[in-house]
Amino acid sequence: MTVNKWTYRFQPPQRGDIVVFPSPVGEKGLVKRVVAVAGEKVRLKHKQVYINDQPLVEPYVKYTRPLERLKGDDMVIGRVPEGFVVVMGDNRDESGDSRDWVGSITGEPVPFVSVESIEGKLLVKNDLSFIVGI
């Protein structure tokens, strides 16, 4: 895995970026895709992500249980605060992410990841060249 640790010193994460960061509810490092950035309103309806009431096109997402309704498949995350992003895994039905994180002390949802906590942007090598994202 190759991570660009300099990118976010010059610009904030963008929707579609694959980022590396420590879990906001645990002690392990995670790799997830940014689905929403500051100022955007996020909700999910029947597994479909909506940004500002528009469906997000995500050809990279895999659903292993498309007919099953899971926690986080239908929810309102709300408006992303400044300095934060919403992240989700591409293997959506198996991913622990912004849809289901809960603080261990408060028991409250923790849907946002601090931009300051993001360690870098994942660079993925395909068979032709290095590209950003997958």
C-alpha atoms as a PDB file:
ATOM      1  CA  MET A   1       0.000   0.000   0.000  1.00  0.00           C
ATOM      2  CA  THR A   2       1.397   3.386  -0.994  1.00  0.00           C
ATOM      3  CA  VAL A   3       0.110   6.457   0.841  1.00  0.00           C
ATOM      4  CA  ASN A   4       0.688  10.080  -0.170  1.00  0.00           C
ATOM      5  CA  LYS A   5       1.155  11.811   3.177  1.00  0.00           C
ATOM      6  CA  TRP A   6       1.704  15.281   1.644  1.00  0.00           C
ATOM      7  CA  THR A   7      -1.457  15.784  -0.412  1.00  0.00           C
ATOM      8  CA  TYR A   8      -3.658  17.063   2.389  1.00  0.00           C
ATOM      9  CA  ARG A   9      -1.111  19.594   3.565  1.00  0.00           C
ATOM     10  CA  PHE A  10      -2.001  21.589   0.435  1.00  0.00           C
ATOM     11  CA  GLN A  11      -5.647  20.747  -0.220  1.00  0.00           C
ATOM     12  CA  PRO A  12      -8.498  19.136   1.701  1.00  0.00           C
ATOM     13  CA  PRO A  13      -9.745  15.627   0.881  1.00  0.00           C
ATOM     14  CA  GLN A  14     -12.188  15.453  -2.022  1.00  0.00           C
ATOM     15  CA  ARG A  15     -15.170  13.196  -2.539  1.00  0.00           C
ATOM     16  CA  GLY A  16     -13.920   9.929  -4.049  1.00  0.00           C
ATOM     17  CA  ASP A  17     -10.487  10.030  -2.405  1.00  0.00           C
ATOM     18  CA  ILE A  18      -9.411   6.887  -0.596  1.00  0.00           C
ATOM     19  CA  VAL A  19      -7.924   7.915   2.730  1.00  0.00           C
ATOM     20  CA  VAL A  20      -5.953   6.323   5.560  1.00  0.00           C
ATOM     21  CA  PHE A  21      -6.804   7.346   9.131  1.00  0.00           C
ATOM     22  CA  PRO A  22      -7.100   5.980  12.672  1.00  0.00           C
ATOM     23  CA  SER A  23     -10.544   4.667  13.563  1.00  0.00           C
ATOM     24  CA  PRO A  24     -12.592   7.320  15.394  1.00  0.00           C
ATOM     25  CA  VAL A  25     -14.002   4.561  17.651  1.00  0.00           C
ATOM     26  CA  GLY A  26     -11.118   2.130  18.015  1.00  0.00           C
ATOM     27  CA  GLU A  27      -7.383   1.740  17.908  1.00  0.00           C
ATOM     28  CA  LYS A  28      -6.806   0.375  14.415  1.00  0.00           C
ATOM     29  CA  GLY A  29      -5.989   2.171  11.186  1.00  0.00           C
ATOM     30  CA  LEU A  30      -8.609   2.240   8.439  1.00  0.00           C
ATOM     31  CA  VAL A  31      -8.801   2.762   4.687  1.00  0.00           C
ATOM     32  CA  LYS A  32     -12.106   4.185   3.404  1.00  0.00           C
ATOM     33  CA  ARG A  33     -13.463   6.315   0.569  1.00  0.00           C
ATOM     34  CA  VAL A  34     -14.559   9.913   1.175  1.00  0.00           C
ATOM     35  CA  VAL A  35     -18.236  10.168   0.179  1.00  0.00           C
ATOM     36  CA  ALA A  36     -18.971  13.675   1.490  1.00  0.00           C
ATOM     37  CA  VAL A  37     -17.034  16.781   2.475  1.00  0.00           C
ATOM     38  CA  ALA A  38     -17.731  19.855   4.613  1.00  0.00           C
ATOM     39  CA  GLY A  39     -21.024  21.578   3.903  1.00  0.00           C
ATOM     40  CA  GLU A  40     -22.647  18.639   2.134  1.00  0.00           C
ATOM     41  CA  LYS A  41     -25.878  17.104   3.423  1.00  0.00           C
ATOM     42  CA  VAL A  42     -25.756  13.275   3.527  1.00  0.00           C
ATOM     43  CA  ARG A  43     -28.474  10.650   3.753  1.00  0.00           C
ATOM     44  CA  LEU A  44     -28.922   7.023   2.739  1.00  0.00           C
ATOM     45  CA  LYS A  45     -32.095   5.480   1.424  1.00  0.00           C
ATOM     46  CA  HIS A  46     -32.199   1.773   0.535  1.00  0.00           C
ATOM     47  CA  LYS A  47     -28.360   1.680   0.419  1.00  0.00           C
ATOM     48  CA  GLN A  48     -28.194   4.635  -2.021  1.00  0.00           C
ATOM     49  CA  VAL A  49     -26.104   7.599  -0.826  1.00  0.00           C
ATOM     50  CA  TYR A  50     -27.613  11.030  -1.469  1.00  0.00           C
ATOM     51  CA  ILE A  51     -25.522  14.192  -1.344  1.00  0.00           C
ATOM     52  CA  ASN A  52     -27.583  17.377  -1.144  1.00  0.00           C
ATOM     53  CA  ASP A  53     -30.638  15.298  -2.173  1.00  0.00           C
ATOM     54  CA  GLN A  54     -28.906  14.001  -5.346  1.00  0.00           C
ATOM     55  CA  PRO A  55     -27.959  10.307  -5.720  1.00  0.00           C
ATOM     56  CA  LEU A  56     -24.218   9.706  -5.624  1.00  0.00           C
ATOM     57  CA  VAL A  57     -22.968   7.601  -8.541  1.00  0.00           C
ATOM     58  CA  GLU A  58     -20.609   4.972  -7.102  1.00  0.00           C
ATOM     59  CA  PRO A  59     -19.623   2.344  -9.703  1.00  0.00           C
ATOM     60  CA  TYR A  60     -16.879   1.042  -7.356  1.00  0.00           C
ATOM     61  CA  VAL A  61     -19.309  -0.050  -4.605  1.00  0.00           C
ATOM     62  CA  LYS A  62     -19.923  -3.745  -4.020  1.00  0.00           C
ATOM     63  CA  TYR A  63     -23.014  -5.056  -2.214  1.00  0.00           C
ATOM     64  CA  THR A  64     -22.663  -8.603  -0.898  1.00  0.00           C
ATOM     65  CA  ARG A  65     -26.191  -8.566   0.543  1.00  0.00           C
ATOM     66  CA  PRO A  66     -28.164  -6.305  -1.824  1.00  0.00           C
ATOM     67  CA  LEU A  67     -31.618  -7.565  -0.788  1.00  0.00           C
ATOM     68  CA  GLU A  68     -30.950  -7.437   2.941  1.00  0.00           C
ATOM     69  CA  ARG A  69     -31.599  -4.232   4.931  1.00  0.00           C
ATOM     70  CA  LEU A  70     -28.667  -3.566   7.227  1.00  0.00           C
ATOM     71  CA  LYS A  71     -27.909  -0.997   9.906  1.00  0.00           C
ATOM     72  CA  GLY A  72     -26.976   2.208   8.101  1.00  0.00           C
ATOM     73  CA  ASP A  73     -28.799   1.423   4.828  1.00  0.00           C
ATOM     74  CA  ASP A  74     -31.478   3.998   5.649  1.00  0.00           C
ATOM     75  CA  MET A  75     -30.363   6.978   7.693  1.00  0.00           C
ATOM     76  CA  VAL A  76     -29.806  10.708   7.788  1.00  0.00           C
ATOM     77  CA  ILE A  77     -26.210  11.609   8.613  1.00  0.00           C
ATOM     78  CA  GLY A  78     -26.806  15.343   8.226  1.00  0.00           C
ATOM     79  CA  ARG A  79     -24.626  18.232   7.130  1.00  0.00           C
ATOM     80  CA  VAL A  80     -20.871  17.602   7.313  1.00  0.00           C
ATOM     81  CA  PRO A  81     -19.216  20.193   9.594  1.00  0.00           C
ATOM     82  CA  GLU A  82     -16.172  22.205   8.535  1.00  0.00           C
ATOM     83  CA  GLY A  83     -12.965  20.235   9.012  1.00  0.00           C
ATOM     84  CA  PHE A  84     -14.673  16.846   8.658  1.00  0.00           C
ATOM     85  CA  VAL A  85     -15.612  14.235   6.023  1.00  0.00           C
ATOM     86  CA  VAL A  86     -17.915  11.220   5.802  1.00  0.00           C
ATOM     87  CA  VAL A  87     -16.254   7.961   4.761  1.00  0.00           C
ATOM     88  CA  MET A  88     -17.564   4.565   3.680  1.00  0.00           C
ATOM     89  CA  GLY A  89     -15.993   1.345   2.520  1.00  0.00           C
ATOM     90  CA  ASP A  90     -16.378   0.187  -1.079  1.00  0.00           C
ATOM     91  CA  ASN A  91     -17.462  -3.264   0.153  1.00  0.00           C
ATOM     92  CA  ARG A  92     -20.469  -1.496   1.577  1.00  0.00           C
ATOM     93  CA  ASP A  93     -22.396  -4.340   3.218  1.00  0.00           C
ATOM     94  CA  GLU A  94     -19.317  -5.559   5.112  1.00  0.00           C
ATOM     95  CA  SER A  95     -17.727  -2.213   6.024  1.00  0.00           C
ATOM     96  CA  GLY A  96     -17.654  -0.601   9.448  1.00  0.00           C
ATOM     97  CA  ASP A  97     -17.746   3.116   8.631  1.00  0.00           C
ATOM     98  CA  SER A  98     -19.495   6.472   9.145  1.00  0.00           C
ATOM     99  CA  ARG A  99     -22.873   4.754   9.019  1.00  0.00           C
ATOM    100  CA  ASP A 100     -22.428   2.686  12.145  1.00  0.00           C
ATOM    101  CA  TRP A 101     -19.651   4.078  14.360  1.00  0.00           C
ATOM    102  CA  VAL A 102     -20.746   4.814  17.916  1.00  0.00           C
ATOM    103  CA  GLY A 103     -18.668   6.399  20.659  1.00  0.00           C
ATOM    104  CA  SER A 104     -17.785   3.919  23.408  1.00  0.00           C
ATOM    105  CA  ILE A 105     -18.264   6.463  26.201  1.00  0.00           C
ATOM    106  CA  THR A 106     -21.212   8.493  24.922  1.00  0.00           C
ATOM    107  CA  GLY A 107     -23.025   5.842  22.884  1.00  0.00           C
ATOM    108  CA  GLU A 108     -23.705   8.611  20.354  1.00  0.00           C
ATOM    109  CA  PRO A 109     -23.161   8.202  16.581  1.00  0.00           C
ATOM    110  CA  VAL A 110     -19.711   9.245  15.299  1.00  0.00           C
ATOM    111  CA  PRO A 111     -20.352   9.717  11.549  1.00  0.00           C
ATOM    112  CA  PHE A 112     -17.633  12.291  10.828  1.00  0.00           C
ATOM    113  CA  VAL A 113     -13.859  11.890  10.477  1.00  0.00           C
ATOM    114  CA  SER A 114     -11.661  14.864  11.257  1.00  0.00           C
ATOM    115  CA  VAL A 115      -9.606  16.020   8.277  1.00  0.00           C
ATOM    116  CA  GLU A 116      -6.722  16.609  10.708  1.00  0.00           C
ATOM    117  CA  SER A 117      -6.729  12.901  11.622  1.00  0.00           C
ATOM    118  CA  ILE A 118      -6.348  11.751   8.000  1.00  0.00           C
ATOM    119  CA  GLU A 119      -2.820  10.424   7.527  1.00  0.00           C
ATOM    120  CA  GLY A 120      -2.820  10.432   3.738  1.00  0.00           C
ATOM    121  CA  LYS A 121      -4.337   9.526   0.401  1.00  0.00           C
ATOM    122  CA  LEU A 122      -4.038   5.965  -0.836  1.00  0.00           C
ATOM    123  CA  LEU A 123      -2.315   5.580  -4.197  1.00  0.00           C
ATOM    124  CA  VAL A 124      -3.406   2.443  -6.019  1.00  0.00           C
ATOM    125  CA  LYS A 125      -1.291   0.792  -8.669  1.00  0.00           C
ATOM    126  CA  ASN A 126      -3.189  -0.603 -11.626  1.00  0.00           C
ATOM    127  CA  ASP A 127      -1.579  -2.543 -14.459  1.00  0.00           C
ATOM    128  CA  LEU A 128      -0.804   0.616 -16.478  1.00  0.00           C
ATOM    129  CA  SER A 129       0.365   3.262 -14.007  1.00  0.00           C
ATOM    130  CA  PHE A 130      -0.182   4.755 -10.574  1.00  0.00           C
ATOM    131  CA  ILE A 131      -3.573   6.319 -10.205  1.00  0.00           C
ATOM    132  CA  VAL A 132      -5.274   8.046  -7.330  1.00  0.00           C
ATOM    133  CA  GLY A 133      -8.335   6.199  -6.106  1.00  0.00           C
ATOM    134  CA  ILE A 134      -9.970   3.019  -7.273  1.00  0.00           C
END
